[in-house]
Amino acid sequence: MHNKVANISMDETVQKSCWGITLWAVIGLATVILMAYLFSV
């Protein structure tokens, strides 16, 4: 029983870190596109 609880909390942490990485990737991509747009104009 204890192992099951530990596994669930671990999975949640992994999912949160994946979302964090995805969020930063999207922000970084948006920044690059914005910079390219500003410099091309």
PDB file of N, CA and C in Angstrom:
ATOM      1  N   MET A   1       0.837  -1.203   0.000  1.00  0.00           N
ATOM      2  CA  MET A   1       0.000   0.000   0.000  1.00  0.00           C
ATOM      3  C   MET A   1       0.874   1.256   0.000  1.00  0.00           C
ATOM      4  N   HIS A   2       1.898   1.254   0.823  1.00  0.00           N
ATOM      5  CA  HIS A   2       2.761   2.445   0.920  1.00  0.00           C
ATOM      6  C   HIS A   2       3.458   2.734  -0.419  1.00  0.00           C
ATOM      7  N   ASN A   3       3.914   1.680  -1.091  1.00  0.00           N
ATOM      8  CA  ASN A   3       4.592   1.862  -2.374  1.00  0.00           C
ATOM      9  C   ASN A   3       3.674   2.491  -3.411  1.00  0.00           C
ATOM     10  N   LYS A   4       2.409   2.092  -3.393  1.00  0.00           N
ATOM     11  CA  LYS A   4       1.443   2.623  -4.360  1.00  0.00           C
ATOM     12  C   LYS A   4       1.315   4.135  -4.200  1.00  0.00           C
ATOM     13  N   VAL A   5       1.205   4.600  -2.959  1.00  0.00           N
ATOM     14  CA  VAL A   5       1.079   6.033  -2.685  1.00  0.00           C
ATOM     15  C   VAL A   5       2.334   6.766  -3.167  1.00  0.00           C
ATOM     16  N   ALA A   6       3.498   6.206  -2.899  1.00  0.00           N
ATOM     17  CA  ALA A   6       4.762   6.830  -3.299  1.00  0.00           C
ATOM     18  C   ALA A   6       4.837   6.937  -4.821  1.00  0.00           C
ATOM     19  N   ASN A   7       4.409   5.886  -5.523  1.00  0.00           N
ATOM     20  CA  ASN A   7       4.439   5.901  -6.985  1.00  0.00           C
ATOM     21  C   ASN A   7       3.525   6.972  -7.556  1.00  0.00           C
ATOM     22  N   ILE A   8       2.340   7.127  -6.965  1.00  0.00           N
ATOM     23  CA  ILE A   8       1.388   8.130  -7.450  1.00  0.00           C
ATOM     24  C   ILE A   8       1.986   9.532  -7.288  1.00  0.00           C
ATOM     25  N   SER A   9       2.557   9.826  -6.127  1.00  0.00           N
ATOM     26  CA  SER A   9       3.130  11.153  -5.894  1.00  0.00           C
ATOM     27  C   SER A   9       4.311  11.395  -6.833  1.00  0.00           C
ATOM     28  N   MET A  10       5.078  10.354  -7.140  1.00  0.00           N
ATOM     29  CA  MET A  10       6.201  10.485  -8.061  1.00  0.00           C
ATOM     30  C   MET A  10       5.699  10.815  -9.462  1.00  0.00           C
ATOM     31  N   ASP A  11       4.645  10.132  -9.901  1.00  0.00           N
ATOM     32  CA  ASP A  11       4.075  10.384 -11.223  1.00  0.00           C
ATOM     33  C   ASP A  11       3.583  11.821 -11.330  1.00  0.00           C
ATOM     34  N   GLU A  12       2.958  12.321 -10.286  1.00  0.00           N
ATOM     35  CA  GLU A  12       2.452  13.697 -10.297  1.00  0.00           C
ATOM     36  C   GLU A  12       3.604  14.688 -10.435  1.00  0.00           C
ATOM     37  N   THR A  13       4.703  14.420  -9.741  1.00  0.00           N
ATOM     38  CA  THR A  13       5.873  15.296  -9.821  1.00  0.00           C
ATOM     39  C   THR A  13       6.437  15.293 -11.234  1.00  0.00           C
ATOM     40  N   VAL A  14       6.513  14.121 -11.846  1.00  0.00           N
ATOM     41  CA  VAL A  14       7.029  13.999 -13.213  1.00  0.00           C
ATOM     42  C   VAL A  14       6.140  14.775 -14.177  1.00  0.00           C
ATOM     43  N   GLN A  15       4.818  14.639 -14.006  1.00  0.00           N
ATOM     44  CA  GLN A  15       3.889  15.352 -14.884  1.00  0.00           C
ATOM     45  C   GLN A  15       4.052  16.860 -14.731  1.00  0.00           C
ATOM     46  N   LYS A  16       4.197  17.334 -13.497  1.00  0.00           N
ATOM     47  CA  LYS A  16       4.362  18.771 -13.258  1.00  0.00           C
ATOM     48  C   LYS A  16       5.640  19.278 -13.908  1.00  0.00           C
ATOM     49  N   SER A  17       6.744  18.530 -13.780  1.00  0.00           N
ATOM     50  CA  SER A  17       8.006  18.967 -14.373  1.00  0.00           C
ATOM     51  C   SER A  17       7.906  18.959 -15.896  1.00  0.00           C
ATOM     52  N   CYS A  18       7.173  18.001 -16.466  1.00  0.00           N
ATOM     53  CA  CYS A  18       6.965  17.963 -17.916  1.00  0.00           C
ATOM     54  C   CYS A  18       6.191  19.194 -18.361  1.00  0.00           C
ATOM     55  N   TRP A  19       5.158  19.556 -17.598  1.00  0.00           N
ATOM     56  CA  TRP A  19       4.377  20.752 -17.932  1.00  0.00           C
ATOM     57  C   TRP A  19       5.249  21.990 -17.830  1.00  0.00           C
ATOM     58  N   GLY A  20       6.114  22.037 -16.820  1.00  0.00           N
ATOM     59  CA  GLY A  20       7.005  23.184 -16.653  1.00  0.00           C
ATOM     60  C   GLY A  20       7.942  23.329 -17.842  1.00  0.00           C
ATOM     61  N   ILE A  21       8.516  22.199 -18.292  1.00  0.00           N
ATOM     62  CA  ILE A  21       9.414  22.207 -19.451  1.00  0.00           C
ATOM     63  C   ILE A  21       8.659  22.652 -20.694  1.00  0.00           C
ATOM     64  N   THR A  22       7.440  22.130 -20.879  1.00  0.00           N
ATOM     65  CA  THR A  22       6.620  22.499 -22.040  1.00  0.00           C
ATOM     66  C   THR A  22       6.333  23.990 -22.022  1.00  0.00           C
ATOM     67  N   LEU A  23       5.981  24.508 -20.844  1.00  0.00           N
ATOM     68  CA  LEU A  23       5.665  25.930 -20.702  1.00  0.00           C
ATOM     69  C   LEU A  23       6.870  26.785 -21.078  1.00  0.00           C
ATOM     70  N   TRP A  24       8.059  26.431 -20.567  1.00  0.00           N
ATOM     71  CA  TRP A  24       9.267  27.191 -20.882  1.00  0.00           C
ATOM     72  C   TRP A  24       9.607  27.091 -22.360  1.00  0.00           C
ATOM     73  N   ALA A  25       9.383  25.919 -22.968  1.00  0.00           N
ATOM     74  CA  ALA A  25       9.653  25.752 -24.399  1.00  0.00           C
ATOM     75  C   ALA A  25       8.752  26.667 -25.218  1.00  0.00           C
ATOM     76  N   VAL A  26       7.471  26.740 -24.836  1.00  0.00           N
ATOM     77  CA  VAL A  26       6.512  27.600 -25.543  1.00  0.00           C
ATOM     78  C   VAL A  26       6.901  29.068 -25.381  1.00  0.00           C
ATOM     79  N   ILE A  27       7.260  29.465 -24.160  1.00  0.00           N
ATOM     80  CA  ILE A  27       7.668  30.853 -23.907  1.00  0.00           C
ATOM     81  C   ILE A  27       8.926  31.184 -24.707  1.00  0.00           C
ATOM     82  N   GLY A  28       9.892  30.278 -24.705  1.00  0.00           N
ATOM     83  CA  GLY A  28      11.132  30.494 -25.454  1.00  0.00           C
ATOM     84  C   GLY A  28      10.865  30.617 -26.944  1.00  0.00           C
ATOM     85  N   LEU A  29      10.024  29.751 -27.466  1.00  0.00           N
ATOM     86  CA  LEU A  29       9.680  29.772 -28.886  1.00  0.00           C
ATOM     87  C   LEU A  29       8.987  31.080 -29.247  1.00  0.00           C
ATOM     88  N   ALA A  30       8.038  31.498 -28.413  1.00  0.00           N
ATOM     89  CA  ALA A  30       7.316  32.751 -28.652  1.00  0.00           C
ATOM     90  C   ALA A  30       8.284  33.933 -28.640  1.00  0.00           C
ATOM     91  N   THR A  31       9.250  33.915 -27.731  1.00  0.00           N
ATOM     92  CA  THR A  31      10.239  34.991 -27.648  1.00  0.00           C
ATOM     93  C   THR A  31      11.088  35.044 -28.912  1.00  0.00           C
ATOM     94  N   VAL A  32      11.531  33.879 -29.388  1.00  0.00           N
ATOM     95  CA  VAL A  32      12.348  33.811 -30.604  1.00  0.00           C
ATOM     96  C   VAL A  32      11.567  34.344 -31.800  1.00  0.00           C
ATOM     97  N   ILE A  33      10.307  33.921 -31.933  1.00  0.00           N
ATOM     98  CA  ILE A  33       9.462  34.377 -33.047  1.00  0.00           C
ATOM     99  C   ILE A  33       9.253  35.888 -32.963  1.00  0.00           C
ATOM    100  N   LEU A  34       8.989  36.376 -31.759  1.00  0.00           N
ATOM    101  CA  LEU A  34       8.776  37.806 -31.555  1.00  0.00           C
ATOM    102  C   LEU A  34      10.029  38.599 -31.932  1.00  0.00           C
ATOM    103  N   MET A  35      11.193  38.131 -31.500  1.00  0.00           N
ATOM    104  CA  MET A  35      12.457  38.794 -31.828  1.00  0.00           C
ATOM    105  C   MET A  35      12.687  38.804 -33.336  1.00  0.00           C
ATOM    106  N   ALA A  36      12.479  37.658 -33.980  1.00  0.00           N
ATOM    107  CA  ALA A  36      12.663  37.562 -35.429  1.00  0.00           C
ATOM    108  C   ALA A  36      11.733  38.528 -36.146  1.00  0.00           C
ATOM    109  N   TYR A  37      10.503  38.620 -35.666  1.00  0.00           N
ATOM    110  CA  TYR A  37       9.515  39.530 -36.260  1.00  0.00           C
ATOM    111  C   TYR A  37       9.955  40.984 -36.092  1.00  0.00           C
ATOM    112  N   LEU A  38      10.385  41.335 -34.882  1.00  0.00           N
ATOM    113  CA  LEU A  38      10.796  42.713 -34.612  1.00  0.00           C
ATOM    114  C   LEU A  38      12.017  43.103 -35.447  1.00  0.00           C
ATOM    115  N   PHE A  39      12.989  42.190 -35.573  1.00  0.00           N
ATOM    116  CA  PHE A  39      14.204  42.502 -36.325  1.00  0.00           C
ATOM    117  C   PHE A  39      13.952  42.529 -37.828  1.00  0.00           C
ATOM    118  N   SER A  40      12.984  41.753 -38.306  1.00  0.00           N
ATOM    119  CA  SER A  40      12.682  41.739 -39.740  1.00  0.00           C
ATOM    120  C   SER A  40      11.922  42.999 -40.141  1.00  0.00           C
ATOM    121  N   VAL A  41      11.213  43.612 -39.185  1.00  0.00           N
ATOM    122  CA  VAL A  41      10.489  44.865 -39.454  1.00  0.00           C
ATOM    123  C   VAL A  41      11.441  46.016 -39.164  1.00  0.00           C
TER     124      VAL A  41
END
